[in-house]
Amino acid sequence: MIQVVIASFNEPKATTRSINAFLSQDTKEEFKIIVVDPFPETENILKKEINDKKVSFFLDPGEGKSYALNLLLQEIYSKNKNDIIVFTDGDVYVSENVLSEICKAFKNSEVGCVTGKPVPIESRKEKYGYWAHFVFEGIHRARKKYHEKKQFFECSGYLFAIRNGVVLDFPLDVSEDAIIPYIFWKNGYKIHYAENAKVYVKNPSIWEDWLAQKIRNIKGHENLKEIAPRMPRTKSFLNEIKHGWHFFFIYPKNPRELFWTLQIYFARLYIYYKAFSEIKNKKTYSDGWREKEIKTTRPLD
């Protein structure tokens, strides 16, 4: 059995698209879809738009995404480690081969986590679209390298899957796409990168939203120093420098992209400075769902 968990936040149109992308999967595997949302109105809209017994609704109590996922994990926990739980978001949608690619990876009993490949839907002809393509390509290359070397790496919160029967809960004060793979890694499982399982993502298109999203992400990962100090870090300031410096010379295709590349290097330096300053001033990562709404990442609603 595959349980697809779609975490959403009052975005019924986008969530409908996300659900339909899974209902259209090219797979013979049995699966169910659970939408997790703190707004009861979302359930009413989804019932009108989608009439399928595979789809159910879980009311998020409003204490944050990680809190809600912990509650749900306890409900759908199974001792059958052949069962699979897929995590994704309501504001993204997946390619039609996602479930088949994930199931293929889990045929290896040593694999505990599988992550998909995020793909930006923006054009690289605009600055923030180019930034999204630049960053996602860098992450793709890093994950592919770690995967080939059979090393630990963090999953993508946009799309990752786990074996059931291993994780019953996880800490609230860190990114779930980082800590959950580490729990599996500590239990002797491998992490698999299914690069053909694609998830399409709308990224921020204004500075304020880009800044808010990236700072929150950094703070969520920096908390790992306290909660999981022995965890190998794949997302960090030092790793960005180590693996990203040469990207400046090989990724841009024209002078305009070269200029945008220079800008994003300075922008990344600034967000790390800003994030570390906030951490120093006790403004740590909070599990409160979307402390600041990032409107330009909402694709349809």
C-alpha atoms as a PDB file:
ATOM      1  CA  MET A   1       0.000   0.000   0.000  1.00  0.00           C
ATOM      2  CA  ILE A   2       1.158   3.512  -0.843  1.00  0.00           C
ATOM      3  CA  GLN A   3      -0.068   6.432   1.250  1.00  0.00           C
ATOM      4  CA  VAL A   4       0.402   9.781  -0.501  1.00  0.00           C
ATOM      5  CA  VAL A   5       0.396  12.656   2.000  1.00  0.00           C
ATOM      6  CA  ILE A   6      -0.255  16.084   0.461  1.00  0.00           C
ATOM      7  CA  ALA A   7       0.373  18.940   2.897  1.00  0.00           C
ATOM      8  CA  SER A   8      -1.531  22.060   1.854  1.00  0.00           C
ATOM      9  CA  PHE A   9      -2.474  25.450   3.264  1.00  0.00           C
ATOM     10  CA  ASN A  10      -5.811  26.797   2.054  1.00  0.00           C
ATOM     11  CA  GLU A  11      -4.936  26.409  -1.633  1.00  0.00           C
ATOM     12  CA  PRO A  12      -7.734  24.182  -3.012  1.00  0.00           C
ATOM     13  CA  LYS A  13      -7.130  24.891  -6.716  1.00  0.00           C
ATOM     14  CA  ALA A  14      -3.451  24.004  -6.544  1.00  0.00           C
ATOM     15  CA  THR A  15      -4.177  21.035  -4.276  1.00  0.00           C
ATOM     16  CA  THR A  16      -6.763  19.764  -6.754  1.00  0.00           C
ATOM     17  CA  ARG A  17      -4.102  19.803  -9.451  1.00  0.00           C
ATOM     18  CA  SER A  18      -1.680  18.022  -7.116  1.00  0.00           C
ATOM     19  CA  ILE A  19      -4.263  15.320  -6.352  1.00  0.00           C
ATOM     20  CA  ASN A  20      -5.170  14.820 -10.025  1.00  0.00           C
ATOM     21  CA  ALA A  21      -1.494  14.361 -10.874  1.00  0.00           C
ATOM     22  CA  PHE A  22      -1.426  11.365  -8.530  1.00  0.00           C
ATOM     23  CA  LEU A  23      -4.777  10.010  -9.667  1.00  0.00           C
ATOM     24  CA  SER A  24      -3.341   9.996 -13.212  1.00  0.00           C
ATOM     25  CA  GLN A  25      -0.265   7.965 -12.242  1.00  0.00           C
ATOM     26  CA  ASP A  26       0.841   5.185 -14.546  1.00  0.00           C
ATOM     27  CA  THR A  27       0.972   2.471 -11.893  1.00  0.00           C
ATOM     28  CA  LYS A  28      -0.757  -0.751 -10.915  1.00  0.00           C
ATOM     29  CA  GLU A  29       0.100  -0.286  -7.239  1.00  0.00           C
ATOM     30  CA  GLU A  30      -2.700   0.321  -4.763  1.00  0.00           C
ATOM     31  CA  PHE A  31      -2.536   3.802  -3.262  1.00  0.00           C
ATOM     32  CA  LYS A  32      -4.480   6.319  -1.205  1.00  0.00           C
ATOM     33  CA  ILE A  33      -4.178  10.102  -0.973  1.00  0.00           C
ATOM     34  CA  ILE A  34      -4.466  12.025   2.301  1.00  0.00           C
ATOM     35  CA  VAL A  35      -4.720  15.822   2.159  1.00  0.00           C
ATOM     36  CA  VAL A  36      -3.474  17.551   5.319  1.00  0.00           C
ATOM     37  CA  ASP A  37      -4.779  21.108   5.699  1.00  0.00           C
ATOM     38  CA  PRO A  38      -5.715  23.375   8.650  1.00  0.00           C
ATOM     39  CA  PHE A  39      -8.722  24.845   6.822  1.00  0.00           C
ATOM     40  CA  PRO A  40     -11.947  22.767   6.902  1.00  0.00           C
ATOM     41  CA  GLU A  41     -13.164  24.751   3.881  1.00  0.00           C
ATOM     42  CA  THR A  42     -10.523  23.009   1.800  1.00  0.00           C
ATOM     43  CA  GLU A  43     -12.138  19.643   2.480  1.00  0.00           C
ATOM     44  CA  ASN A  44     -15.532  20.907   1.295  1.00  0.00           C
ATOM     45  CA  ILE A  45     -14.074  22.278  -1.937  1.00  0.00           C
ATOM     46  CA  LEU A  46     -12.092  19.125  -2.644  1.00  0.00           C
ATOM     47  CA  LYS A  47     -15.206  16.971  -2.149  1.00  0.00           C
ATOM     48  CA  LYS A  48     -16.970  19.005  -4.824  1.00  0.00           C
ATOM     49  CA  GLU A  49     -14.046  19.007  -7.239  1.00  0.00           C
ATOM     50  CA  ILE A  50     -12.828  15.431  -6.759  1.00  0.00           C
ATOM     51  CA  ASN A  51     -15.083  12.437  -6.320  1.00  0.00           C
ATOM     52  CA  ASP A  52     -12.713   9.569  -5.680  1.00  0.00           C
ATOM     53  CA  LYS A  53     -12.634   7.081  -2.806  1.00  0.00           C
ATOM     54  CA  LYS A  54      -8.835   7.125  -2.906  1.00  0.00           C
ATOM     55  CA  VAL A  55      -8.825  10.682  -1.506  1.00  0.00           C
ATOM     56  CA  SER A  56      -9.372  11.545   2.179  1.00  0.00           C
ATOM     57  CA  PHE A  57      -8.859  14.615   4.369  1.00  0.00           C
ATOM     58  CA  PHE A  58      -6.921  15.038   7.617  1.00  0.00           C
ATOM     59  CA  LEU A  59      -7.539  18.253   9.539  1.00  0.00           C
ATOM     60  CA  ASP A  60      -4.272  19.899  10.522  1.00  0.00           C
ATOM     61  CA  PRO A  61      -4.742  21.302  14.083  1.00  0.00           C
ATOM     62  CA  GLY A  62      -2.840  24.437  13.049  1.00  0.00           C
ATOM     63  CA  GLU A  63       0.292  23.898  15.144  1.00  0.00           C
ATOM     64  CA  GLY A  64       2.605  23.570  12.149  1.00  0.00           C
ATOM     65  CA  LYS A  65       3.366  21.182   9.324  1.00  0.00           C
ATOM     66  CA  SER A  66       5.724  18.941  11.330  1.00  0.00           C
ATOM     67  CA  TYR A  67       3.221  18.704  14.182  1.00  0.00           C
ATOM     68  CA  ALA A  68       0.456  17.639  11.792  1.00  0.00           C
ATOM     69  CA  LEU A  69       2.672  15.111  10.015  1.00  0.00           C
ATOM     70  CA  ASN A  70       3.643  13.575  13.345  1.00  0.00           C
ATOM     71  CA  LEU A  71      -0.020  13.079  14.223  1.00  0.00           C
ATOM     72  CA  LEU A  72      -0.738  11.549  10.837  1.00  0.00           C
ATOM     73  CA  LEU A  73       2.285   9.243  10.979  1.00  0.00           C
ATOM     74  CA  GLN A  74       0.916   7.710  14.156  1.00  0.00           C
ATOM     75  CA  GLU A  75      -2.411   7.063  12.428  1.00  0.00           C
ATOM     76  CA  ILE A  76      -1.039   5.454   9.276  1.00  0.00           C
ATOM     77  CA  TYR A  77       1.892   3.640  10.919  1.00  0.00           C
ATOM     78  CA  SER A  78       2.230   0.046   9.761  1.00  0.00           C
ATOM     79  CA  LYS A  79       4.719  -2.660  10.726  1.00  0.00           C
ATOM     80  CA  ASN A  80       4.753  -3.759   7.104  1.00  0.00           C
ATOM     81  CA  LYS A  81       7.953  -2.209   5.758  1.00  0.00           C
ATOM     82  CA  ASN A  82       6.820  -2.864   2.198  1.00  0.00           C
ATOM     83  CA  ASP A  83       4.237  -0.129   2.697  1.00  0.00           C
ATOM     84  CA  ILE A  84       5.312   3.283   1.412  1.00  0.00           C
ATOM     85  CA  ILE A  85       4.516   6.817   2.563  1.00  0.00           C
ATOM     86  CA  VAL A  86       4.996   9.633   0.025  1.00  0.00           C
ATOM     87  CA  PHE A  87       5.275  13.235   1.217  1.00  0.00           C
ATOM     88  CA  THR A  88       4.560  16.204  -1.043  1.00  0.00           C
ATOM     89  CA  ASP A  89       2.896  19.637  -0.992  1.00  0.00           C
ATOM     90  CA  GLY A  90      -0.360  21.034  -2.295  1.00  0.00           C
ATOM     91  CA  ASP A  91       1.324  23.799  -4.267  1.00  0.00           C
ATOM     92  CA  VAL A  92       3.377  21.435  -6.464  1.00  0.00           C
ATOM     93  CA  TYR A  93       2.494  18.649  -8.901  1.00  0.00           C
ATOM     94  CA  VAL A  94       4.302  15.529 -10.090  1.00  0.00           C
ATOM     95  CA  SER A  95       5.124  13.719 -13.311  1.00  0.00           C
ATOM     96  CA  GLU A  96       2.981  10.690 -14.210  1.00  0.00           C
ATOM     97  CA  ASN A  97       5.785   8.200 -13.496  1.00  0.00           C
ATOM     98  CA  VAL A  98       6.476   9.272  -9.888  1.00  0.00           C
ATOM     99  CA  LEU A  99       4.873   6.322  -8.094  1.00  0.00           C
ATOM    100  CA  SER A 100       6.360   3.769 -10.469  1.00  0.00           C
ATOM    101  CA  GLU A 101       9.846   5.286 -10.050  1.00  0.00           C
ATOM    102  CA  ILE A 102       9.487   5.341  -6.270  1.00  0.00           C
ATOM    103  CA  CYS A 103       8.279   1.729  -6.143  1.00  0.00           C
ATOM    104  CA  LYS A 104      11.157   0.675  -8.387  1.00  0.00           C
ATOM    105  CA  ALA A 105      13.655   2.185  -5.944  1.00  0.00           C
ATOM    106  CA  PHE A 106      12.066   0.466  -2.941  1.00  0.00           C
ATOM    107  CA  LYS A 107      12.516  -2.957  -4.539  1.00  0.00           C
ATOM    108  CA  ASN A 108      15.958  -2.721  -2.992  1.00  0.00           C
ATOM    109  CA  SER A 109      15.299  -3.675   0.638  1.00  0.00           C
ATOM    110  CA  GLU A 110      18.287  -1.583   1.741  1.00  0.00           C
ATOM    111  CA  VAL A 111      16.617   1.659   0.595  1.00  0.00           C
ATOM    112  CA  GLY A 112      14.708   3.529   3.295  1.00  0.00           C
ATOM    113  CA  CYS A 113      14.138   6.934   1.687  1.00  0.00           C
ATOM    114  CA  VAL A 114      13.606   7.998  -1.911  1.00  0.00           C
ATOM    115  CA  THR A 115      13.649  11.602  -3.076  1.00  0.00           C
ATOM    116  CA  GLY A 116      12.425  13.003  -6.362  1.00  0.00           C
ATOM    117  CA  LYS A 117      13.833  15.764  -8.558  1.00  0.00           C
ATOM    118  CA  PRO A 118      12.363  19.278  -8.157  1.00  0.00           C
ATOM    119  CA  VAL A 119      11.936  21.120 -11.464  1.00  0.00           C
ATOM    120  CA  PRO A 120      11.153  24.869 -11.582  1.00  0.00           C
ATOM    121  CA  ILE A 121       8.191  25.833 -13.765  1.00  0.00           C
ATOM    122  CA  GLU A 122       9.556  29.338 -14.385  1.00  0.00           C
ATOM    123  CA  SER A 123      11.455  30.399 -17.481  1.00  0.00           C
ATOM    124  CA  ARG A 124      15.151  31.045 -17.009  1.00  0.00           C
ATOM    125  CA  LYS A 125      14.694  34.176 -19.137  1.00  0.00           C
ATOM    126  CA  GLU A 126      13.542  36.067 -16.019  1.00  0.00           C
ATOM    127  CA  LYS A 127      15.920  36.712 -13.118  1.00  0.00           C
ATOM    128  CA  TYR A 128      14.106  34.802 -10.361  1.00  0.00           C
ATOM    129  CA  GLY A 129      13.311  32.015 -12.797  1.00  0.00           C
ATOM    130  CA  TYR A 130      16.985  31.800 -13.687  1.00  0.00           C
ATOM    131  CA  TRP A 131      17.898  31.767 -10.001  1.00  0.00           C
ATOM    132  CA  ALA A 132      15.510  28.829  -9.470  1.00  0.00           C
ATOM    133  CA  HIS A 133      17.006  26.879 -12.385  1.00  0.00           C
ATOM    134  CA  PHE A 134      20.525  27.668 -11.167  1.00  0.00           C
ATOM    135  CA  VAL A 135      19.884  26.479  -7.599  1.00  0.00           C
ATOM    136  CA  PHE A 136      17.859  23.402  -8.574  1.00  0.00           C
ATOM    137  CA  GLU A 137      20.523  22.295 -11.043  1.00  0.00           C
ATOM    138  CA  GLY A 138      23.175  22.613  -8.358  1.00  0.00           C
ATOM    139  CA  ILE A 139      21.071  20.558  -5.928  1.00  0.00           C
ATOM    140  CA  HIS A 140      20.436  17.944  -8.634  1.00  0.00           C
ATOM    141  CA  ARG A 141      24.149  17.525  -9.312  1.00  0.00           C
ATOM    142  CA  ALA A 142      24.963  17.273  -5.618  1.00  0.00           C
ATOM    143  CA  ARG A 143      22.272  14.655  -4.941  1.00  0.00           C
ATOM    144  CA  LYS A 144      23.336  12.634  -7.960  1.00  0.00           C
ATOM    145  CA  LYS A 145      26.938  12.628  -6.753  1.00  0.00           C
ATOM    146  CA  TYR A 146      26.030  11.612  -3.189  1.00  0.00           C
ATOM    147  CA  HIS A 147      23.694   8.921  -4.559  1.00  0.00           C
ATOM    148  CA  GLU A 148      26.364   7.436  -6.829  1.00  0.00           C
ATOM    149  CA  LYS A 149      28.859   7.380  -3.942  1.00  0.00           C
ATOM    150  CA  LYS A 150      26.213   5.802  -1.669  1.00  0.00           C
ATOM    151  CA  GLN A 151      26.628   8.613   0.842  1.00  0.00           C
ATOM    152  CA  PHE A 152      24.017  10.304   3.004  1.00  0.00           C
ATOM    153  CA  PHE A 153      22.101  13.256   1.558  1.00  0.00           C
ATOM    154  CA  GLU A 154      18.963  15.138   2.488  1.00  0.00           C
ATOM    155  CA  CYS A 155      15.712  14.675   0.600  1.00  0.00           C
ATOM    156  CA  SER A 156      13.507  17.270  -1.044  1.00  0.00           C
ATOM    157  CA  GLY A 157      10.475  18.358   0.953  1.00  0.00           C
ATOM    158  CA  TYR A 158       8.653  18.846  -2.347  1.00  0.00           C
ATOM    159  CA  LEU A 159       8.681  15.075  -2.923  1.00  0.00           C
ATOM    160  CA  PHE A 160      10.157  12.228  -0.916  1.00  0.00           C
ATOM    161  CA  ALA A 161       9.039   8.795   0.228  1.00  0.00           C
ATOM    162  CA  ILE A 162       9.845   6.490   3.120  1.00  0.00           C
ATOM    163  CA  ARG A 163       9.267   2.917   4.192  1.00  0.00           C
ATOM    164  CA  ASN A 164       6.532   2.565   6.761  1.00  0.00           C
ATOM    165  CA  GLY A 165       7.301   0.843  10.054  1.00  0.00           C
ATOM    166  CA  VAL A 166      10.508   2.757  10.845  1.00  0.00           C
ATOM    167  CA  VAL A 167       9.557   6.326  11.826  1.00  0.00           C
ATOM    168  CA  LEU A 168       6.678   6.956  14.220  1.00  0.00           C
ATOM    169  CA  ASP A 169       7.555  10.602  14.908  1.00  0.00           C
ATOM    170  CA  PHE A 170      10.354  13.130  14.428  1.00  0.00           C
ATOM    171  CA  PRO A 171      11.549  16.409  16.041  1.00  0.00           C
ATOM    172  CA  LEU A 172       9.443  19.492  15.293  1.00  0.00           C
ATOM    173  CA  ASP A 173      12.159  22.150  15.224  1.00  0.00           C
ATOM    174  CA  VAL A 174      13.949  21.056  12.045  1.00  0.00           C
ATOM    175  CA  SER A 175      13.109  20.453   8.390  1.00  0.00           C
ATOM    176  CA  GLU A 176      11.394  17.093   7.987  1.00  0.00           C
ATOM    177  CA  ASP A 177      13.165  16.450   4.669  1.00  0.00           C
ATOM    178  CA  ALA A 178      16.476  16.520   6.544  1.00  0.00           C
ATOM    179  CA  ILE A 179      15.791  14.770   9.847  1.00  0.00           C
ATOM    180  CA  ILE A 180      13.634  11.895   8.547  1.00  0.00           C
ATOM    181  CA  PRO A 181      16.274  10.659   6.056  1.00  0.00           C
ATOM    182  CA  TYR A 182      18.852  10.865   8.832  1.00  0.00           C
ATOM    183  CA  ILE A 183      16.705   8.672  11.095  1.00  0.00           C
ATOM    184  CA  PHE A 184      16.653   6.067   8.332  1.00  0.00           C
ATOM    185  CA  TRP A 185      20.381   6.456   7.758  1.00  0.00           C
ATOM    186  CA  LYS A 186      21.074   5.841  11.450  1.00  0.00           C
ATOM    187  CA  ASN A 187      18.967   2.695  11.205  1.00  0.00           C
ATOM    188  CA  GLY A 188      21.168   1.339   8.429  1.00  0.00           C
ATOM    189  CA  TYR A 189      19.071   2.284   5.400  1.00  0.00           C
ATOM    190  CA  LYS A 190      20.264   3.928   2.180  1.00  0.00           C
ATOM    191  CA  ILE A 191      18.934   7.096   0.553  1.00  0.00           C
ATOM    192  CA  HIS A 192      17.976   6.865  -3.133  1.00  0.00           C
ATOM    193  CA  TYR A 193      17.753   9.693  -5.660  1.00  0.00           C
ATOM    194  CA  ALA A 194      15.033   8.965  -8.235  1.00  0.00           C
ATOM    195  CA  GLU A 195      15.949  11.707 -10.710  1.00  0.00           C
ATOM    196  CA  ASN A 196      13.275  10.634 -13.192  1.00  0.00           C
ATOM    197  CA  ALA A 197      10.545  11.205 -10.595  1.00  0.00           C
ATOM    198  CA  LYS A 198       9.939  14.899 -11.185  1.00  0.00           C
ATOM    199  CA  VAL A 199       8.028  17.399  -9.083  1.00  0.00           C
ATOM    200  CA  TYR A 200       7.169  20.773 -10.606  1.00  0.00           C
ATOM    201  CA  VAL A 201       7.621  23.785  -8.345  1.00  0.00           C
ATOM    202  CA  LYS A 202       6.547  27.453  -8.431  1.00  0.00           C
ATOM    203  CA  ASN A 203       9.313  29.586  -6.910  1.00  0.00           C
ATOM    204  CA  PRO A 204       9.305  33.113  -5.427  1.00  0.00           C
ATOM    205  CA  SER A 205       9.282  35.901  -7.995  1.00  0.00           C
ATOM    206  CA  ILE A 206       9.978  38.927  -5.799  1.00  0.00           C
ATOM    207  CA  TRP A 207      12.890  39.702  -3.464  1.00  0.00           C
ATOM    208  CA  GLU A 208      10.864  39.768  -0.216  1.00  0.00           C
ATOM    209  CA  ASP A 209       9.375  36.316  -0.826  1.00  0.00           C
ATOM    210  CA  TRP A 210      12.670  34.844  -1.997  1.00  0.00           C
ATOM    211  CA  LEU A 211      14.391  36.204   1.107  1.00  0.00           C
ATOM    212  CA  ALA A 212      11.731  34.900   3.522  1.00  0.00           C
ATOM    213  CA  GLN A 213      11.691  31.407   2.004  1.00  0.00           C
ATOM    214  CA  LYS A 214      15.454  30.955   1.944  1.00  0.00           C
ATOM    215  CA  ILE A 215      16.076  32.337   5.445  1.00  0.00           C
ATOM    216  CA  ARG A 216      13.442  30.042   6.941  1.00  0.00           C
ATOM    217  CA  ASN A 217      14.991  27.076   5.122  1.00  0.00           C
ATOM    218  CA  ILE A 218      18.476  27.879   6.432  1.00  0.00           C
ATOM    219  CA  LYS A 219      17.248  28.243  10.018  1.00  0.00           C
ATOM    220  CA  GLY A 220      15.434  24.916   9.763  1.00  0.00           C
ATOM    221  CA  HIS A 221      18.679  23.219   8.780  1.00  0.00           C
ATOM    222  CA  GLU A 222      20.888  25.051  11.270  1.00  0.00           C
ATOM    223  CA  ASN A 223      18.776  23.631  14.120  1.00  0.00           C
ATOM    224  CA  LEU A 224      20.232  20.255  13.166  1.00  0.00           C
ATOM    225  CA  LYS A 225      23.445  21.236  14.967  1.00  0.00           C
ATOM    226  CA  GLU A 226      21.559  20.935  18.251  1.00  0.00           C
ATOM    227  CA  ILE A 227      19.151  18.112  17.468  1.00  0.00           C
ATOM    228  CA  ALA A 228      21.378  15.856  15.328  1.00  0.00           C
ATOM    229  CA  PRO A 229      24.991  17.018  15.801  1.00  0.00           C
ATOM    230  CA  ARG A 230      26.457  13.906  14.144  1.00  0.00           C
ATOM    231  CA  MET A 231      24.332  14.175  11.039  1.00  0.00           C
ATOM    232  CA  PRO A 232      26.386  14.638   7.831  1.00  0.00           C
ATOM    233  CA  ARG A 233      25.504  18.089   6.480  1.00  0.00           C
ATOM    234  CA  THR A 234      24.713  18.305   2.780  1.00  0.00           C
ATOM    235  CA  LYS A 235      22.951  21.687   2.912  1.00  0.00           C
ATOM    236  CA  SER A 236      25.252  24.255   4.508  1.00  0.00           C
ATOM    237  CA  PHE A 237      27.106  27.474   3.802  1.00  0.00           C
ATOM    238  CA  LEU A 238      30.456  25.679   3.525  1.00  0.00           C
ATOM    239  CA  ASN A 239      29.026  23.060   1.159  1.00  0.00           C
ATOM    240  CA  GLU A 240      27.585  25.773  -1.079  1.00  0.00           C
ATOM    241  CA  ILE A 241      31.046  27.300  -1.367  1.00  0.00           C
ATOM    242  CA  LYS A 242      32.735  23.929  -1.843  1.00  0.00           C
ATOM    243  CA  HIS A 243      30.393  22.590  -4.516  1.00  0.00           C
ATOM    244  CA  GLY A 244      29.081  25.802  -6.055  1.00  0.00           C
ATOM    245  CA  TRP A 245      32.024  28.069  -6.833  1.00  0.00           C
ATOM    246  CA  HIS A 246      32.773  26.472 -10.212  1.00  0.00           C
ATOM    247  CA  PHE A 247      29.108  26.732 -11.228  1.00  0.00           C
ATOM    248  CA  PHE A 248      29.702  30.432 -11.844  1.00  0.00           C
ATOM    249  CA  PHE A 249      31.833  29.568 -14.871  1.00  0.00           C
ATOM    250  CA  ILE A 250      29.866  26.693 -16.420  1.00  0.00           C
ATOM    251  CA  TYR A 251      26.147  27.424 -15.971  1.00  0.00           C
ATOM    252  CA  PRO A 252      25.492  30.897 -17.509  1.00  0.00           C
ATOM    253  CA  LYS A 253      24.849  30.883 -21.263  1.00  0.00           C
ATOM    254  CA  ASN A 254      25.080  34.616 -21.992  1.00  0.00           C
ATOM    255  CA  PRO A 255      26.205  37.922 -20.391  1.00  0.00           C
ATOM    256  CA  ARG A 256      22.770  38.531 -18.848  1.00  0.00           C
ATOM    257  CA  GLU A 257      22.800  35.149 -17.092  1.00  0.00           C
ATOM    258  CA  LEU A 258      26.378  35.763 -15.996  1.00  0.00           C
ATOM    259  CA  PHE A 259      25.233  38.993 -14.333  1.00  0.00           C
ATOM    260  CA  TRP A 260      22.307  37.210 -12.628  1.00  0.00           C
ATOM    261  CA  THR A 261      24.717  34.516 -11.461  1.00  0.00           C
ATOM    262  CA  LEU A 262      26.913  37.148  -9.853  1.00  0.00           C
ATOM    263  CA  GLN A 263      23.821  38.585  -8.165  1.00  0.00           C
ATOM    264  CA  ILE A 264      22.697  35.264  -6.724  1.00  0.00           C
ATOM    265  CA  TYR A 265      26.144  34.614  -5.234  1.00  0.00           C
ATOM    266  CA  PHE A 266      25.884  37.871  -3.294  1.00  0.00           C
ATOM    267  CA  ALA A 267      22.216  37.138  -2.473  1.00  0.00           C
ATOM    268  CA  ARG A 268      23.142  33.738  -1.016  1.00  0.00           C
ATOM    269  CA  LEU A 269      25.855  35.361   1.106  1.00  0.00           C
ATOM    270  CA  TYR A 270      23.294  37.858   2.384  1.00  0.00           C
ATOM    271  CA  ILE A 271      20.664  35.278   3.349  1.00  0.00           C
ATOM    272  CA  TYR A 272      23.221  33.286   5.333  1.00  0.00           C
ATOM    273  CA  TYR A 273      24.307  36.475   7.099  1.00  0.00           C
ATOM    274  CA  LYS A 274      20.666  37.364   7.781  1.00  0.00           C
ATOM    275  CA  ALA A 275      19.754  33.847   8.962  1.00  0.00           C
ATOM    276  CA  PHE A 276      22.752  33.546  11.284  1.00  0.00           C
ATOM    277  CA  SER A 277      22.033  37.030  12.686  1.00  0.00           C
ATOM    278  CA  GLU A 278      18.461  36.030  13.493  1.00  0.00           C
ATOM    279  CA  ILE A 279      19.625  32.796  15.100  1.00  0.00           C
ATOM    280  CA  LYS A 280      22.096  34.768  17.211  1.00  0.00           C
ATOM    281  CA  ASN A 281      19.248  37.062  18.297  1.00  0.00           C
ATOM    282  CA  LYS A 282      17.160  33.999  19.273  1.00  0.00           C
ATOM    283  CA  LYS A 283      14.879  34.258  16.242  1.00  0.00           C
ATOM    284  CA  THR A 284      15.088  30.537  15.598  1.00  0.00           C
ATOM    285  CA  TYR A 285      13.190  28.310  13.204  1.00  0.00           C
ATOM    286  CA  SER A 286       9.583  27.788  14.250  1.00  0.00           C
ATOM    287  CA  ASP A 287       7.260  24.995  13.207  1.00  0.00           C
ATOM    288  CA  GLY A 288       4.391  27.478  12.874  1.00  0.00           C
ATOM    289  CA  TRP A 289       3.033  26.882   9.382  1.00  0.00           C
ATOM    290  CA  ARG A 290       4.261  29.663   7.113  1.00  0.00           C
ATOM    291  CA  GLU A 291       5.184  32.296   9.661  1.00  0.00           C
ATOM    292  CA  LYS A 292       5.163  34.713   6.738  1.00  0.00           C
ATOM    293  CA  GLU A 293       3.027  33.822   3.735  1.00  0.00           C
ATOM    294  CA  ILE A 294       5.029  33.607   0.516  1.00  0.00           C
ATOM    295  CA  LYS A 295       2.346  34.621  -1.942  1.00  0.00           C
ATOM    296  CA  THR A 296       4.315  34.351  -5.173  1.00  0.00           C
ATOM    297  CA  THR A 297       4.840  30.606  -4.658  1.00  0.00           C
ATOM    298  CA  ARG A 298       1.082  29.996  -4.760  1.00  0.00           C
ATOM    299  CA  PRO A 299       0.568  28.817  -8.339  1.00  0.00           C
ATOM    300  CA  LEU A 300      -3.223  28.881  -8.714  1.00  0.00           C
ATOM    301  CA  ASP A 301      -5.026  30.126  -5.587  1.00  0.00           C
END
